[in-house]
């Protein structure tokens, strides 16, 4: 007489569950680190875009003053003596403080021409 013993493996062993849990935790940790990195890069890019847009607006204001058909040497604020350097206070937009700095000078050898140097600085968002 032959007796067949049927062994049923109806579940996972403790070791298999632990290995699966560790692998799952590593995947979740990697995805969350990627999410945080992408969020930080998105905030950085957003602040750069806003800075470019703000600087474009400031350049448009300067452009209105230096147009050839409306140039008035006596009343123009871009005269070197009257406009050596200006720092515009910080403008807060979406919790980002922007500061504009302008400097106007007359390059050597280019009589009558002005060079306007503009700089914008801001604090990077942290959250």
Protein backbone atom coordinates (compact mmCIF):
# COMPACT_ATOMS: atom_id res chain seq x y z
CA UNK A 1 0.00 0.00 0.00
CA UNK A 2 1.33 3.42 -1.03
CA UNK A 3 0.40 6.49 0.96
CA UNK A 4 0.72 9.81 -0.72
CA UNK A 5 1.42 12.77 1.50
CA UNK A 6 0.35 16.05 -0.04
CA UNK A 7 2.12 19.02 1.41
CA UNK A 8 0.29 22.24 0.77
CA UNK A 9 2.27 25.44 0.56
CA UNK A 10 -0.67 27.76 0.97
CA UNK A 11 1.23 30.91 1.90
CA UNK A 12 4.51 32.75 2.08
CA UNK A 13 7.24 32.13 4.55
CA UNK A 14 8.31 34.82 6.98
CA UNK A 15 11.59 35.26 5.11
CA UNK A 16 9.78 35.89 1.80
CA UNK A 17 7.55 38.49 3.40
CA UNK A 18 10.54 40.27 4.98
CA UNK A 19 12.44 40.34 1.68
CA UNK A 20 9.39 41.70 -0.16
CA UNK A 21 8.90 44.36 2.53
CA UNK A 22 12.52 45.48 2.32
CA UNK A 23 12.35 45.71 -1.48
CA UNK A 24 9.09 47.69 -1.27
CA UNK A 25 10.58 50.07 1.30
CA UNK A 26 13.62 50.69 -0.92
CA UNK A 27 11.40 51.48 -3.91
CA UNK A 28 9.25 53.88 -1.87
CA UNK A 29 12.34 55.61 -0.45
CA UNK A 30 13.78 56.05 -3.94
CA UNK A 31 10.52 57.45 -5.30
CA UNK A 32 10.12 59.88 -2.42
CA UNK A 33 13.71 61.14 -2.84
CA UNK A 34 13.02 61.64 -6.55
CA UNK A 35 9.82 63.52 -5.75
CA UNK A 36 11.60 65.88 -3.35
CA UNK A 37 14.38 66.51 -5.86
CA UNK A 38 11.92 67.25 -8.67
CA UNK A 39 9.92 69.59 -6.42
CA UNK A 40 13.08 71.51 -5.48
CA UNK A 41 14.10 71.80 -9.15
CA UNK A 42 10.58 72.98 -10.06
CA UNK A 43 10.73 75.76 -7.46
CA UNK A 44 14.17 76.80 -8.72
CA UNK A 45 12.96 76.91 -12.32
CA UNK A 46 9.83 78.84 -11.34
CA UNK A 47 11.88 81.50 -9.54
CA UNK A 48 14.20 81.78 -12.57
CA UNK A 49 11.24 82.28 -14.91
CA UNK A 50 9.72 84.91 -12.63
CA UNK A 51 13.07 86.71 -12.45
CA UNK A 52 13.35 86.78 -16.24
CA UNK A 53 9.79 88.10 -16.55
CA UNK A 54 10.43 90.82 -13.97
CA UNK A 55 13.68 91.82 -15.64
CA UNK A 56 11.89 92.01 -18.98
CA UNK A 57 9.44 94.47 -17.47
CA UNK A 58 12.26 96.58 -16.09
CA UNK A 59 14.04 96.53 -19.46
CA UNK A 60 10.84 97.78 -21.11
CA UNK A 61 10.82 100.72 -18.70
CA UNK A 62 14.43 101.52 -19.57
CA UNK A 63 13.70 101.10 -23.27
CA UNK A 64 11.08 103.82 -23.07
CA UNK A 65 13.76 106.20 -21.77
CA UNK A 66 16.43 105.46 -24.36
CA UNK A 67 14.42 105.47 -27.57
CA UNK A 68 16.11 107.62 -30.14
CA UNK A 69 13.00 109.57 -31.13
CA UNK A 70 12.25 110.63 -27.55
CA UNK A 71 15.79 111.13 -26.24
CA UNK A 72 16.15 114.28 -24.20
CA UNK A 73 19.62 114.77 -22.78
CA UNK A 74 18.46 117.34 -20.26
CA UNK A 75 15.52 115.48 -18.75
CA UNK A 76 16.51 111.88 -19.24
CA UNK A 77 17.22 109.95 -16.08
CA UNK A 78 19.76 107.76 -17.85
CA UNK A 79 22.35 110.51 -17.91
CA UNK A 80 25.49 109.12 -16.31
CA UNK A 81 25.74 111.88 -13.73
CA UNK A 82 22.10 111.58 -12.63
CA UNK A 83 21.81 107.81 -12.71
CA UNK A 84 25.03 106.19 -11.50
CA UNK A 85 23.55 103.27 -9.56
CA UNK A 86 20.13 102.41 -8.21
CA UNK A 87 18.97 99.53 -6.08
CA UNK A 88 15.25 98.83 -6.14
CA UNK A 89 13.86 97.36 -2.90
CA UNK A 90 12.90 93.72 -2.79
CA UNK A 91 9.56 92.82 -4.31
CA UNK A 92 7.95 89.85 -2.67
CA UNK A 93 6.16 87.52 -5.08
CA UNK A 94 5.14 84.04 -3.93
CA UNK A 95 7.42 84.36 -0.90
CA UNK A 96 10.43 85.15 -3.12
CA UNK A 97 12.19 88.46 -2.54
CA UNK A 98 13.60 89.99 -5.72
CA UNK A 99 16.04 92.90 -5.70
CA UNK A 100 16.96 94.86 -8.84
CA UNK A 101 20.23 96.72 -9.28
CA UNK A 102 20.90 99.15 -12.13
CA UNK A 103 24.05 100.93 -13.11
CA UNK A 104 24.46 103.27 -16.07
CA UNK A 105 27.85 104.30 -17.38
CA UNK A 106 29.42 105.69 -20.53
CA UNK A 107 31.90 103.23 -22.07
CA UNK A 108 35.26 104.67 -23.10
CA UNK A 109 35.55 105.51 -26.76
CA UNK A 110 31.81 105.39 -27.40
CA UNK A 111 30.95 109.04 -27.12
CA UNK A 112 27.30 109.65 -26.31
CA UNK A 113 26.35 106.01 -25.81
CA UNK A 114 25.22 104.60 -22.48
CA UNK A 115 25.54 101.12 -21.09
CA UNK A 116 22.91 100.01 -18.61
CA UNK A 117 23.86 97.01 -16.49
CA UNK A 118 20.95 95.34 -14.76
CA UNK A 119 21.11 92.62 -12.14
CA UNK A 120 18.37 90.82 -10.29
CA UNK A 121 18.95 88.73 -7.19
CA UNK A 122 16.63 86.64 -5.08
CA UNK A 123 16.60 84.07 -2.32
CA UNK A 124 15.88 80.56 -3.49
CA UNK A 125 12.63 79.11 -2.11
CA UNK A 126 13.13 76.31 0.37
CA UNK A 127 9.75 74.63 0.39
